[in-house]
């Protein structure tokens, strides 16, 4: 079971050079609420960028960097799956992508696309589309399951049932 522990980000969108850390493990469930402009979507964009290399909203990666500092955009996500503790560090200008498992950096010899596939396939066991459908459930980008294209519905079901190896 995937349990988020924290998300930390700096020089990401409107945030500055001092990292903002949000603890997500203080209770069994977490509900994020706030006024417009409080940072709810920024936090969600940071989580998606950290895990999948793309923000939740339709924002291009160069636009993610704080325009004042223009560099050192970084997101760190900590989560557990079972007994294993993971930390994913992803940055832009400079480009950074690290996956840490129980304090040890996983092998980075492969191409970043392959490294991303390891994260999605072997660790998270879901891609960004499934993450948005299963975890986020936000009204803005949420598409009802039956309104999804057939191949997307199939992908969500295969990931939920862990049977994608058969297709």
C-alpha atoms as a PDB file:
ATOM      1  CA  UNK A   1       0.000   0.000   0.000  1.00  0.00           C
ATOM      2  CA  UNK A   2       1.348   3.396  -1.029  1.00  0.00           C
ATOM      3  CA  UNK A   3       1.431   5.863   1.880  1.00  0.00           C
ATOM      4  CA  UNK A   4       2.706   9.382   1.284  1.00  0.00           C
ATOM      5  CA  UNK A   5       4.873  10.752   4.084  1.00  0.00           C
ATOM      6  CA  UNK A   6       5.789  14.217   2.778  1.00  0.00           C
ATOM      7  CA  UNK A   7       6.307  16.455  -0.208  1.00  0.00           C
ATOM      8  CA  UNK A   8       8.909  19.192  -0.254  1.00  0.00           C
ATOM      9  CA  UNK A   9       9.537  21.716  -3.019  1.00  0.00           C
ATOM     10  CA  UNK A  10      11.543  24.851  -3.721  1.00  0.00           C
ATOM     11  CA  UNK A  11      11.772  27.239  -6.682  1.00  0.00           C
ATOM     12  CA  UNK A  12       8.681  25.461  -7.952  1.00  0.00           C
ATOM     13  CA  UNK A  13       6.049  27.708  -9.563  1.00  0.00           C
ATOM     14  CA  UNK A  14       5.444  30.586  -7.122  1.00  0.00           C
ATOM     15  CA  UNK A  15       7.516  29.170  -4.259  1.00  0.00           C
ATOM     16  CA  UNK A  16      10.938  30.577  -3.492  1.00  0.00           C
ATOM     17  CA  UNK A  17      14.364  29.212  -2.617  1.00  0.00           C
ATOM     18  CA  UNK A  18      13.355  28.126   0.894  1.00  0.00           C
ATOM     19  CA  UNK A  19      11.865  24.604   0.717  1.00  0.00           C
ATOM     20  CA  UNK A  20       8.232  24.149   1.696  1.00  0.00           C
ATOM     21  CA  UNK A  21       7.578  20.779   3.320  1.00  0.00           C
ATOM     22  CA  UNK A  22       4.100  19.387   3.772  1.00  0.00           C
ATOM     23  CA  UNK A  23       3.712  16.368   6.057  1.00  0.00           C
ATOM     24  CA  UNK A  24       1.095  13.954   4.761  1.00  0.00           C
ATOM     25  CA  UNK A  25       1.454  11.213   7.362  1.00  0.00           C
ATOM     26  CA  UNK A  26       0.135  12.912  10.477  1.00  0.00           C
ATOM     27  CA  UNK A  27      -3.166  10.997  10.327  1.00  0.00           C
ATOM     28  CA  UNK A  28      -4.565   8.012   8.392  1.00  0.00           C
ATOM     29  CA  UNK A  29      -6.248  10.298   5.843  1.00  0.00           C
ATOM     30  CA  UNK A  30      -5.436  13.763   4.595  1.00  0.00           C
ATOM     31  CA  UNK A  31      -7.826  16.292   3.117  1.00  0.00           C
ATOM     32  CA  UNK A  32      -6.302  19.386   1.527  1.00  0.00           C
ATOM     33  CA  UNK A  33      -8.549  22.453   1.659  1.00  0.00           C
ATOM     34  CA  UNK A  34      -7.858  26.150   1.369  1.00  0.00           C
ATOM     35  CA  UNK A  35      -8.785  29.406  -0.275  1.00  0.00           C
ATOM     36  CA  UNK A  36      -8.022  30.137  -3.918  1.00  0.00           C
ATOM     37  CA  UNK A  37      -4.305  30.797  -4.320  1.00  0.00           C
ATOM     38  CA  UNK A  38      -3.343  28.989  -1.098  1.00  0.00           C
ATOM     39  CA  UNK A  39      -1.192  26.411  -2.921  1.00  0.00           C
ATOM     40  CA  UNK A  40      -3.398  23.300  -3.179  1.00  0.00           C
ATOM     41  CA  UNK A  41      -2.822  22.900  -6.906  1.00  0.00           C
ATOM     42  CA  UNK A  42       0.865  23.756  -6.542  1.00  0.00           C
ATOM     43  CA  UNK A  43       1.245  20.917  -4.036  1.00  0.00           C
ATOM     44  CA  UNK A  44      -0.551  18.529  -6.393  1.00  0.00           C
ATOM     45  CA  UNK A  45       1.625  19.691  -9.306  1.00  0.00           C
ATOM     46  CA  UNK A  46       4.711  19.098  -7.144  1.00  0.00           C
ATOM     47  CA  UNK A  47       3.624  15.548  -6.259  1.00  0.00           C
ATOM     48  CA  UNK A  48       2.900  14.705  -9.905  1.00  0.00           C
ATOM     49  CA  UNK A  49       6.126  16.304 -11.106  1.00  0.00           C
ATOM     50  CA  UNK A  50       8.117  14.422  -8.465  1.00  0.00           C
ATOM     51  CA  UNK A  51       6.581  11.072  -9.332  1.00  0.00           C
ATOM     52  CA  UNK A  52       6.003  11.354 -13.078  1.00  0.00           C
ATOM     53  CA  UNK A  53       8.139  14.242 -14.364  1.00  0.00           C
ATOM     54  CA  UNK A  54       5.034  16.215 -15.396  1.00  0.00           C
ATOM     55  CA  UNK A  55       2.787  18.462 -13.309  1.00  0.00           C
ATOM     56  CA  UNK A  56      -0.864  17.622 -12.732  1.00  0.00           C
ATOM     57  CA  UNK A  57      -2.068  20.680 -14.644  1.00  0.00           C
ATOM     58  CA  UNK A  58      -1.189  21.432 -18.254  1.00  0.00           C
ATOM     59  CA  UNK A  59       2.026  23.344 -17.523  1.00  0.00           C
ATOM     60  CA  UNK A  60       5.250  22.881 -19.497  1.00  0.00           C
ATOM     61  CA  UNK A  61       8.315  21.959 -17.413  1.00  0.00           C
ATOM     62  CA  UNK A  62      10.243  25.195 -18.176  1.00  0.00           C
ATOM     63  CA  UNK A  63       7.297  27.105 -16.679  1.00  0.00           C
ATOM     64  CA  UNK A  64       7.645  25.208 -13.384  1.00  0.00           C
ATOM     65  CA  UNK A  65      10.791  27.113 -12.400  1.00  0.00           C
ATOM     66  CA  UNK A  66      10.262  30.110 -10.149  1.00  0.00           C
ATOM     67  CA  UNK A  67      10.713  33.062 -12.528  1.00  0.00           C
ATOM     68  CA  UNK A  68      12.631  35.144  -9.960  1.00  0.00           C
ATOM     69  CA  UNK A  69      15.363  32.559  -9.252  1.00  0.00           C
ATOM     70  CA  UNK A  70      15.275  30.814 -12.647  1.00  0.00           C
ATOM     71  CA  UNK A  71      17.069  27.679 -11.403  1.00  0.00           C
ATOM     72  CA  UNK A  72      17.248  24.979  -8.729  1.00  0.00           C
ATOM     73  CA  UNK A  73      13.637  23.839  -9.085  1.00  0.00           C
ATOM     74  CA  UNK A  74      13.427  20.717  -6.911  1.00  0.00           C
ATOM     75  CA  UNK A  75      10.731  18.419  -5.571  1.00  0.00           C
ATOM     76  CA  UNK A  76      11.222  15.628  -3.038  1.00  0.00           C
ATOM     77  CA  UNK A  77       8.528  13.079  -2.250  1.00  0.00           C
ATOM     78  CA  UNK A  78       8.765  10.580   0.575  1.00  0.00           C
ATOM     79  CA  UNK A  79       6.451   7.576   0.713  1.00  0.00           C
ATOM     80  CA  UNK A  80       6.326   4.034   1.955  1.00  0.00           C
ATOM     81  CA  UNK A  81       5.176   0.859   0.283  1.00  0.00           C
ATOM     82  CA  UNK A  82       4.939  -1.962   2.765  1.00  0.00           C
ATOM     83  CA  UNK A  83       8.076  -1.821   4.911  1.00  0.00           C
ATOM     84  CA  UNK A  84      10.149   0.027   2.299  1.00  0.00           C
ATOM     85  CA  UNK A  85      10.739   3.770   2.526  1.00  0.00           C
ATOM     86  CA  UNK A  86      11.233   5.671  -0.714  1.00  0.00           C
ATOM     87  CA  UNK A  87      12.372   9.171  -1.547  1.00  0.00           C
ATOM     88  CA  UNK A  88      12.138  10.526  -5.078  1.00  0.00           C
ATOM     89  CA  UNK A  89      14.098  13.669  -5.893  1.00  0.00           C
ATOM     90  CA  UNK A  90      13.390  15.420  -9.156  1.00  0.00           C
ATOM     91  CA  UNK A  91      14.726  18.757 -10.274  1.00  0.00           C
ATOM     92  CA  UNK A  92      14.898  21.063 -13.229  1.00  0.00           C
ATOM     93  CA  UNK A  93      17.836  23.397 -13.987  1.00  0.00           C
ATOM     94  CA  UNK A  94      19.829  21.389 -13.123  1.00  0.00           C
ATOM     95  CA  UNK A  95      18.126  18.176 -14.151  1.00  0.00           C
ATOM     96  CA  UNK A  96      17.918  15.710 -11.268  1.00  0.00           C
ATOM     97  CA  UNK A  97      16.106  12.382 -10.962  1.00  0.00           C
ATOM     98  CA  UNK A  98      16.942  10.103  -8.046  1.00  0.00           C
ATOM     99  CA  UNK A  99      15.078   7.222  -6.472  1.00  0.00           C
ATOM    100  CA  UNK A 100      16.133   6.250  -2.963  1.00  0.00           C
ATOM    101  CA  UNK A 101      14.981   3.027  -1.312  1.00  0.00           C
ATOM    102  CA  UNK A 102      15.613   2.626   2.415  1.00  0.00           C
ATOM    103  CA  UNK A 103      18.377   5.245   2.254  1.00  0.00           C
ATOM    104  CA  UNK A 104      20.169   3.717  -0.752  1.00  0.00           C
ATOM    105  CA  UNK A 105      20.226   5.372  -4.172  1.00  0.00           C
ATOM    106  CA  UNK A 106      18.905   2.982  -6.818  1.00  0.00           C
ATOM    107  CA  UNK A 107      21.105   2.308  -9.849  1.00  0.00           C
ATOM    108  CA  UNK A 108      21.019   5.288 -12.222  1.00  0.00           C
ATOM    109  CA  UNK A 109      22.947   3.758 -15.121  1.00  0.00           C
ATOM    110  CA  UNK A 110      19.878   3.500 -17.353  1.00  0.00           C
ATOM    111  CA  UNK A 111      18.342   6.263 -19.467  1.00  0.00           C
ATOM    112  CA  UNK A 112      15.957   8.536 -17.523  1.00  0.00           C
ATOM    113  CA  UNK A 113      12.983   7.100 -19.454  1.00  0.00           C
ATOM    114  CA  UNK A 114      13.944   3.610 -18.290  1.00  0.00           C
ATOM    115  CA  UNK A 115      14.475   4.907 -14.751  1.00  0.00           C
ATOM    116  CA  UNK A 116      10.961   6.403 -14.886  1.00  0.00           C
ATOM    117  CA  UNK A 117       9.593   3.054 -16.066  1.00  0.00           C
ATOM    118  CA  UNK A 118      11.205   1.372 -13.030  1.00  0.00           C
ATOM    119  CA  UNK A 119       9.472   3.876 -10.754  1.00  0.00           C
ATOM    120  CA  UNK A 120       6.063   3.454 -12.410  1.00  0.00           C
ATOM    121  CA  UNK A 121       6.153  -0.283 -13.117  1.00  0.00           C
ATOM    122  CA  UNK A 122       8.145  -1.782 -10.250  1.00  0.00           C
ATOM    123  CA  UNK A 123       7.594   0.650  -7.371  1.00  0.00           C
ATOM    124  CA  UNK A 124       4.385   2.684  -7.755  1.00  0.00           C
ATOM    125  CA  UNK A 125       2.676   0.108  -9.992  1.00  0.00           C
ATOM    126  CA  UNK A 126       0.754   2.905 -11.708  1.00  0.00           C
ATOM    127  CA  UNK A 127       1.284   5.559 -14.338  1.00  0.00           C
ATOM    128  CA  UNK A 128       0.200   9.206 -14.248  1.00  0.00           C
ATOM    129  CA  UNK A 129      -3.224   8.494 -15.774  1.00  0.00           C
ATOM    130  CA  UNK A 130      -3.988   5.858 -13.172  1.00  0.00           C
ATOM    131  CA  UNK A 131      -2.621   8.103 -10.418  1.00  0.00           C
ATOM    132  CA  UNK A 132      -5.035  10.855 -11.475  1.00  0.00           C
ATOM    133  CA  UNK A 133      -7.984   8.443 -11.610  1.00  0.00           C
ATOM    134  CA  UNK A 134      -7.251   6.521  -8.409  1.00  0.00           C
ATOM    135  CA  UNK A 135      -5.382   8.852  -6.070  1.00  0.00           C
ATOM    136  CA  UNK A 136      -6.186  12.442  -7.031  1.00  0.00           C
ATOM    137  CA  UNK A 137      -9.899  12.321  -7.809  1.00  0.00           C
ATOM    138  CA  UNK A 138      -9.905  16.068  -8.402  1.00  0.00           C
ATOM    139  CA  UNK A 139     -13.018  17.472 -10.027  1.00  0.00           C
ATOM    140  CA  UNK A 140     -11.076  19.648 -12.474  1.00  0.00           C
ATOM    141  CA  UNK A 141      -9.275  16.897 -14.403  1.00  0.00           C
ATOM    142  CA  UNK A 142     -11.347  13.914 -13.327  1.00  0.00           C
ATOM    143  CA  UNK A 143     -12.920  11.952 -16.166  1.00  0.00           C
ATOM    144  CA  UNK A 144     -15.561   9.407 -15.134  1.00  0.00           C
ATOM    145  CA  UNK A 145     -14.296   5.896 -15.736  1.00  0.00           C
ATOM    146  CA  UNK A 146     -16.950   5.034 -18.328  1.00  0.00           C
ATOM    147  CA  UNK A 147     -16.181   8.217 -20.302  1.00  0.00           C
ATOM    148  CA  UNK A 148     -12.515   7.284 -20.665  1.00  0.00           C
ATOM    149  CA  UNK A 149     -11.366   5.785 -23.978  1.00  0.00           C
ATOM    150  CA  UNK A 150     -11.433   1.988 -23.994  1.00  0.00           C
ATOM    151  CA  UNK A 151      -7.617   1.624 -23.925  1.00  0.00           C
ATOM    152  CA  UNK A 152      -7.372   3.957 -20.893  1.00  0.00           C
ATOM    153  CA  UNK A 153     -10.082   2.024 -19.018  1.00  0.00           C
ATOM    154  CA  UNK A 154      -8.252  -1.201 -19.775  1.00  0.00           C
ATOM    155  CA  UNK A 155      -4.982   0.282 -18.497  1.00  0.00           C
ATOM    156  CA  UNK A 156      -6.565   1.415 -15.215  1.00  0.00           C
ATOM    157  CA  UNK A 157      -8.139  -2.012 -14.639  1.00  0.00           C
ATOM    158  CA  UNK A 158      -4.893  -3.825 -15.480  1.00  0.00           C
ATOM    159  CA  UNK A 159      -2.956  -1.661 -13.034  1.00  0.00           C
ATOM    160  CA  UNK A 160      -5.555  -2.046 -10.290  1.00  0.00           C
ATOM    161  CA  UNK A 161      -5.543  -5.831 -10.686  1.00  0.00           C
ATOM    162  CA  UNK A 162      -1.802  -5.998 -11.391  1.00  0.00           C
ATOM    163  CA  UNK A 163      -2.379  -7.996 -14.585  1.00  0.00           C
ATOM    164  CA  UNK A 164      -0.665  -5.747 -17.132  1.00  0.00           C
ATOM    165  CA  UNK A 165       1.932  -8.479 -17.742  1.00  0.00           C
ATOM    166  CA  UNK A 166      -0.707 -10.411 -19.684  1.00  0.00           C
ATOM    167  CA  UNK A 167      -1.365  -7.724 -22.286  1.00  0.00           C
END
